[in-house]
Structures are given as structure tokens and as C-alpha cells.
């Protein structure tokens, strides 16, 4: 599998995780998310990160409920990882803004 295919697959997993997180946050108006929805989120994240084209990657995922202040899902939460490109850009912009 080529580098572009792996990147595309990784991007698809990241997009899927972001969509699932957005759906979970959109449902935050309800006092407590339904247990089946959390179980489905966990199952889908684990399945997406175990796909043949991305399973060799190291994933660090934390989904935290803002209204309940608890973790709904975590995968390798203590693993130190190199930030993704978007995090690098945000960090650089924040540092540039702080320095002036």
C-alpha cells in the first residue's frame, strides 16, 4: 500500500472519529448519553483503528464528555505521540501570537 493510500485511510479514520465526536457533542443537550450510543462509539473507533490499512499506526484517542466530565473512550491515552499537522499549525500560530 502506498504512502498516499495510508494517508488517505488515516485521514478517513480521523474524519470518522471527528464526526462521531461531533455527533456525541451534538447530543450533549440530553442529560446523559444513552449507553448504546457510547458503546457504538467505542466499537466504531476500535473497528476504524483496526482496519488493515491503518492498524500498524499508533493511535492516541480520548473522547471526553464535557457535560458529564468523564471519559467516554480512550485508546493509548498515556502514549506520547508526535502531533498531527493540524496540531502543529495551531501550536505554531499560538506561539507566534504569544511572542508577538
N, C-alpha and C. Protein backbone atom coordinates (compact mmCIF):
# COMPACT_ATOMS: atom_id res chain seq x y z
N UNK A 1 0.85 -1.17 0.00
CA UNK A 1 0.00 0.00 0.00
C UNK A 1 0.89 1.23 0.00
N UNK A 2 0.57 2.18 -0.85
CA UNK A 2 1.38 3.38 -0.98
C UNK A 2 1.17 4.35 0.16
N UNK A 3 2.09 5.31 0.23
CA UNK A 3 2.04 6.32 1.29
C UNK A 3 0.74 7.12 1.19
N UNK A 4 0.34 7.48 -0.02
CA UNK A 4 -0.90 8.27 -0.19
C UNK A 4 -2.12 7.48 0.25
N UNK A 5 -2.14 6.17 -0.02
CA UNK A 5 -3.27 5.35 0.41
C UNK A 5 -3.35 5.29 1.92
N UNK A 6 -2.20 5.16 2.58
CA UNK A 6 -2.18 5.14 4.05
C UNK A 6 -2.61 6.48 4.61
N UNK A 7 -2.15 7.56 4.00
CA UNK A 7 -2.54 8.89 4.46
C UNK A 7 -4.04 9.09 4.29
N UNK A 8 -4.54 8.67 3.12
CA UNK A 8 -5.97 8.83 2.87
C UNK A 8 -6.77 8.01 3.87
N UNK A 9 -6.34 6.79 4.14
CA UNK A 9 -7.04 5.94 5.10
C UNK A 9 -6.97 6.55 6.49
N UNK A 10 -5.81 7.06 6.86
CA UNK A 10 -5.67 7.71 8.16
C UNK A 10 -6.55 8.94 8.27
N UNK A 11 -6.62 9.70 7.19
CA UNK A 11 -7.49 10.88 7.18
C UNK A 11 -8.95 10.47 7.30
N UNK A 12 -9.32 9.38 6.64
CA UNK A 12 -10.71 8.93 6.73
C UNK A 12 -11.05 8.50 8.14
N UNK A 13 -10.13 7.82 8.81
CA UNK A 13 -10.38 7.42 10.19
C UNK A 13 -10.49 8.66 11.08
N UNK A 14 -9.62 9.63 10.87
CA UNK A 14 -9.67 10.86 11.67
C UNK A 14 -10.98 11.60 11.43
N UNK A 15 -11.42 11.64 10.19
CA UNK A 15 -12.69 12.31 9.88
C UNK A 15 -13.84 11.56 10.52
N UNK A 16 -13.81 10.23 10.44
CA UNK A 16 -14.87 9.43 11.05
C UNK A 16 -14.91 9.66 12.56
N UNK A 17 -13.74 9.69 13.20
CA UNK A 17 -13.70 9.93 14.64
C UNK A 17 -14.22 11.32 14.97
N UNK A 18 -13.86 12.31 14.16
CA UNK A 18 -14.35 13.67 14.39
C UNK A 18 -15.86 13.74 14.22
N UNK A 19 -16.38 13.04 13.22
CA UNK A 19 -17.84 13.02 13.02
C UNK A 19 -18.54 12.36 14.20
N UNK A 20 -17.99 11.25 14.67
CA UNK A 20 -18.59 10.58 15.82
C UNK A 20 -18.54 11.47 17.05
N UNK A 21 -17.44 12.17 17.23
CA UNK A 21 -17.32 13.08 18.36
C UNK A 21 -18.32 14.22 18.23
N UNK A 22 -18.46 14.76 17.02
CA UNK A 22 -19.43 15.84 16.80
C UNK A 22 -20.84 15.36 17.09
N UNK A 23 -21.15 14.14 16.67
CA UNK A 23 -22.47 13.59 16.95
C UNK A 23 -22.67 13.44 18.45
N UNK A 24 -21.65 12.97 19.14
CA UNK A 24 -21.75 12.81 20.59
C UNK A 24 -21.93 14.16 21.27
N UNK A 25 -21.22 15.17 20.79
CA UNK A 25 -21.34 16.50 21.38
C UNK A 25 -22.68 17.15 21.03
N UNK A 26 -23.18 16.88 19.83
CA UNK A 26 -24.48 17.43 19.44
C UNK A 26 -25.59 16.87 20.32
N UNK A 27 -25.42 15.66 20.77
CA UNK A 27 -26.41 15.05 21.65
C UNK A 27 -26.19 15.42 23.10
N UNK A 28 -25.29 16.37 23.38
CA UNK A 28 -24.97 16.74 24.75
C UNK A 28 -26.10 17.48 25.44
N UNK A 29 -27.15 17.88 24.69
CA UNK A 29 -28.26 18.56 25.33
C UNK A 29 -29.02 17.62 26.26
N UNK A 30 -28.95 16.32 25.97
CA UNK A 30 -29.60 15.35 26.85
C UNK A 30 -28.72 15.17 28.07
N UNK A 31 -29.31 14.95 29.25
CA UNK A 31 -28.52 14.87 30.47
C UNK A 31 -27.46 13.78 30.44
N UNK A 32 -27.80 12.60 29.91
CA UNK A 32 -26.83 11.51 29.86
C UNK A 32 -26.96 10.79 28.53
N UNK A 33 -25.85 10.69 27.79
CA UNK A 33 -25.93 9.95 26.53
C UNK A 33 -26.33 8.50 26.80
N UNK A 34 -27.07 7.95 25.89
CA UNK A 34 -27.52 6.58 26.04
C UNK A 34 -26.33 5.64 25.99
N UNK A 35 -26.36 4.64 26.84
CA UNK A 35 -25.27 3.66 26.89
C UNK A 35 -25.04 2.99 25.55
N UNK A 36 -26.10 2.66 24.78
CA UNK A 36 -25.85 2.06 23.46
C UNK A 36 -25.07 2.98 22.52
N UNK A 37 -25.31 4.29 22.61
CA UNK A 37 -24.59 5.23 21.75
C UNK A 37 -23.10 5.27 22.10
N UNK A 38 -22.79 5.23 23.38
CA UNK A 38 -21.39 5.22 23.80
C UNK A 38 -20.73 3.91 23.40
N UNK A 39 -21.44 2.82 23.57
CA UNK A 39 -20.90 1.51 23.16
C UNK A 39 -20.65 1.48 21.66
N UNK A 40 -21.57 2.08 20.89
CA UNK A 40 -21.39 2.12 19.43
C UNK A 40 -20.19 2.98 19.06
N UNK A 41 -20.01 4.11 19.75
CA UNK A 41 -18.86 4.97 19.51
C UNK A 41 -17.57 4.20 19.75
N UNK A 42 -17.49 3.51 20.88
CA UNK A 42 -16.30 2.72 21.19
C UNK A 42 -16.05 1.65 20.14
N UNK A 43 -17.10 0.95 19.78
CA UNK A 43 -16.97 -0.14 18.81
C UNK A 43 -16.50 0.39 17.45
N UNK A 44 -17.07 1.49 17.01
CA UNK A 44 -16.69 2.04 15.71
C UNK A 44 -15.27 2.59 15.72
N UNK A 45 -14.86 3.24 16.80
CA UNK A 45 -13.49 3.74 16.87
C UNK A 45 -12.48 2.59 16.87
N UNK A 46 -12.76 1.56 17.63
CA UNK A 46 -11.86 0.40 17.65
C UNK A 46 -11.82 -0.28 16.29
N UNK A 47 -12.96 -0.40 15.64
CA UNK A 47 -13.01 -1.03 14.31
C UNK A 47 -12.25 -0.18 13.29
N UNK A 48 -12.43 1.15 13.35
CA UNK A 48 -11.75 2.03 12.39
C UNK A 48 -10.23 2.00 12.56
N UNK A 49 -9.77 1.92 13.79
CA UNK A 49 -8.32 1.92 14.02
C UNK A 49 -7.70 0.54 13.81
N UNK A 50 -8.53 -0.48 13.60
CA UNK A 50 -8.03 -1.83 13.35
C UNK A 50 -8.11 -2.22 11.87
N UNK A 51 -8.50 -1.27 11.01
CA UNK A 51 -8.58 -1.56 9.58
C UNK A 51 -7.20 -1.97 9.08
N UNK A 52 -7.13 -2.88 8.11
CA UNK A 52 -5.84 -3.37 7.63
C UNK A 52 -4.89 -2.27 7.16
N UNK A 53 -5.42 -1.22 6.56
CA UNK A 53 -4.54 -0.18 6.02
C UNK A 53 -4.05 0.82 7.07
N UNK A 54 -4.55 0.76 8.29
CA UNK A 54 -4.10 1.70 9.33
C UNK A 54 -3.76 1.02 10.66
N UNK A 55 -3.88 -0.27 10.74
CA UNK A 55 -3.70 -0.93 12.05
C UNK A 55 -2.26 -0.89 12.54
N UNK A 56 -1.30 -0.66 11.65
CA UNK A 56 0.09 -0.58 12.10
C UNK A 56 0.42 0.77 12.71
N UNK A 57 -0.46 1.74 12.53
CA UNK A 57 -0.24 3.07 13.11
C UNK A 57 -0.48 3.01 14.61
N UNK A 58 0.08 3.98 15.31
CA UNK A 58 -0.16 4.11 16.74
C UNK A 58 -1.21 5.19 16.92
N UNK A 59 -2.29 4.84 17.59
CA UNK A 59 -3.40 5.76 17.78
C UNK A 59 -3.46 6.21 19.22
N UNK A 60 -3.72 7.48 19.42
CA UNK A 60 -4.00 8.02 20.73
C UNK A 60 -5.30 8.80 20.66
N UNK A 61 -6.34 8.26 21.25
CA UNK A 61 -7.66 8.87 21.15
C UNK A 61 -8.26 9.00 22.54
N UNK A 62 -8.81 10.16 22.81
CA UNK A 62 -9.57 10.37 24.05
C UNK A 62 -10.85 11.11 23.67
N UNK A 63 -11.99 10.55 24.06
CA UNK A 63 -13.28 11.21 23.88
C UNK A 63 -13.78 11.51 25.28
N UNK A 64 -13.93 12.79 25.57
CA UNK A 64 -14.30 13.23 26.92
C UNK A 64 -15.63 13.97 26.87
N UNK A 65 -16.55 13.60 27.73
CA UNK A 65 -17.85 14.26 27.81
C UNK A 65 -17.70 15.56 28.60
N UNK A 66 -18.07 16.66 27.97
CA UNK A 66 -17.97 17.95 28.64
C UNK A 66 -19.06 18.14 29.69
N UNK A 67 -20.27 17.64 29.40
CA UNK A 67 -21.35 17.83 30.37
C UNK A 67 -21.25 16.89 31.55
N UNK A 68 -20.70 15.68 31.36
CA UNK A 68 -20.57 14.72 32.46
C UNK A 68 -19.18 14.74 33.08
N UNK A 69 -18.24 15.42 32.43
CA UNK A 69 -16.85 15.49 32.88
C UNK A 69 -16.28 14.10 33.15
N UNK A 70 -16.43 13.23 32.16
CA UNK A 70 -15.85 11.89 32.25
C UNK A 70 -15.43 11.41 30.87
N UNK A 71 -14.48 10.51 30.88
CA UNK A 71 -14.01 9.94 29.62
C UNK A 71 -14.98 8.88 29.14
N UNK A 72 -15.35 9.02 27.88
CA UNK A 72 -16.25 8.04 27.28
C UNK A 72 -15.47 6.95 26.57
N UNK A 73 -14.27 7.30 26.08
CA UNK A 73 -13.44 6.34 25.36
C UNK A 73 -12.00 6.80 25.43
N UNK A 74 -11.11 5.84 25.51
CA UNK A 74 -9.68 6.16 25.40
C UNK A 74 -8.95 4.98 24.77
N UNK A 75 -7.96 5.32 23.98
CA UNK A 75 -7.11 4.33 23.34
C UNK A 75 -5.69 4.86 23.42
N UNK A 76 -4.84 4.17 24.14
CA UNK A 76 -3.45 4.59 24.36
C UNK A 76 -3.34 6.01 24.90
N UNK A 77 -4.06 6.32 25.97
CA UNK A 77 -4.06 7.70 26.46
C UNK A 77 -2.72 8.18 27.01
N UNK A 78 -1.85 7.28 27.42
CA UNK A 78 -0.57 7.66 28.01
C UNK A 78 0.58 7.65 27.00
N UNK A 79 0.30 7.23 25.76
CA UNK A 79 1.34 7.14 24.75
C UNK A 79 1.69 8.53 24.24
N UNK A 80 2.97 8.85 24.24
CA UNK A 80 3.44 10.13 23.72
C UNK A 80 3.54 10.02 22.20
N UNK A 81 2.85 10.91 21.50
CA UNK A 81 2.80 10.87 20.05
C UNK A 81 3.23 12.21 19.47
N UNK A 82 3.74 12.18 18.25
CA UNK A 82 4.07 13.40 17.53
C UNK A 82 2.75 13.99 17.06
N UNK A 83 2.51 15.28 17.28
CA UNK A 83 1.24 15.89 16.89
C UNK A 83 0.97 15.80 15.40
N UNK A 84 -0.29 15.74 15.05
CA UNK A 84 -0.69 15.76 13.65
C UNK A 84 -0.45 17.14 13.06
N UNK A 85 -0.51 17.25 11.76
CA UNK A 85 -0.22 18.52 11.09
C UNK A 85 -1.09 19.66 11.58
N UNK A 86 -2.37 19.41 11.79
CA UNK A 86 -3.24 20.49 12.24
C UNK A 86 -2.84 20.97 13.63
N UNK A 87 -2.44 20.07 14.48
CA UNK A 87 -2.00 20.46 15.82
C UNK A 87 -0.71 21.26 15.74
N UNK A 88 0.16 20.91 14.81
CA UNK A 88 1.41 21.65 14.63
C UNK A 88 1.12 23.08 14.19
N UNK A 89 0.19 23.24 13.27
CA UNK A 89 -0.16 24.57 12.78
C UNK A 89 -0.76 25.40 13.91
N UNK A 90 -1.68 24.81 14.66
CA UNK A 90 -2.30 25.51 15.78
C UNK A 90 -1.25 25.89 16.83
N UNK A 91 -0.34 24.99 17.12
CA UNK A 91 0.72 25.29 18.10
C UNK A 91 1.62 26.42 17.62
N UNK A 92 1.96 26.38 16.33
CA UNK A 92 2.83 27.43 15.77
C UNK A 92 2.13 28.78 15.81
N UNK A 93 0.85 28.81 15.45
CA UNK A 93 0.11 30.08 15.48
C UNK A 93 -0.05 30.61 16.90
N UNK A 94 -0.30 29.73 17.83
CA UNK A 94 -0.43 30.14 19.23
C UNK A 94 0.89 30.70 19.76
N UNK A 95 1.99 30.03 19.42
CA UNK A 95 3.31 30.51 19.85
C UNK A 95 3.63 31.86 19.21
N UNK A 96 3.32 31.99 17.93
CA UNK A 96 3.59 33.26 17.23
C UNK A 96 2.76 34.39 17.84
N UNK A 97 1.52 34.09 18.18
CA UNK A 97 0.66 35.10 18.79
C UNK A 97 1.18 35.48 20.18
N UNK A 98 1.66 34.52 20.94
CA UNK A 98 2.17 34.79 22.30
C UNK A 98 3.45 35.61 22.26
N UNK A 99 4.31 35.32 21.29
CA UNK A 99 5.58 36.03 21.18
C UNK A 99 5.38 37.42 20.56
N UNK A 100 4.42 37.49 19.67
CA UNK A 100 4.12 38.80 19.06
C UNK A 100 4.69 38.91 17.76
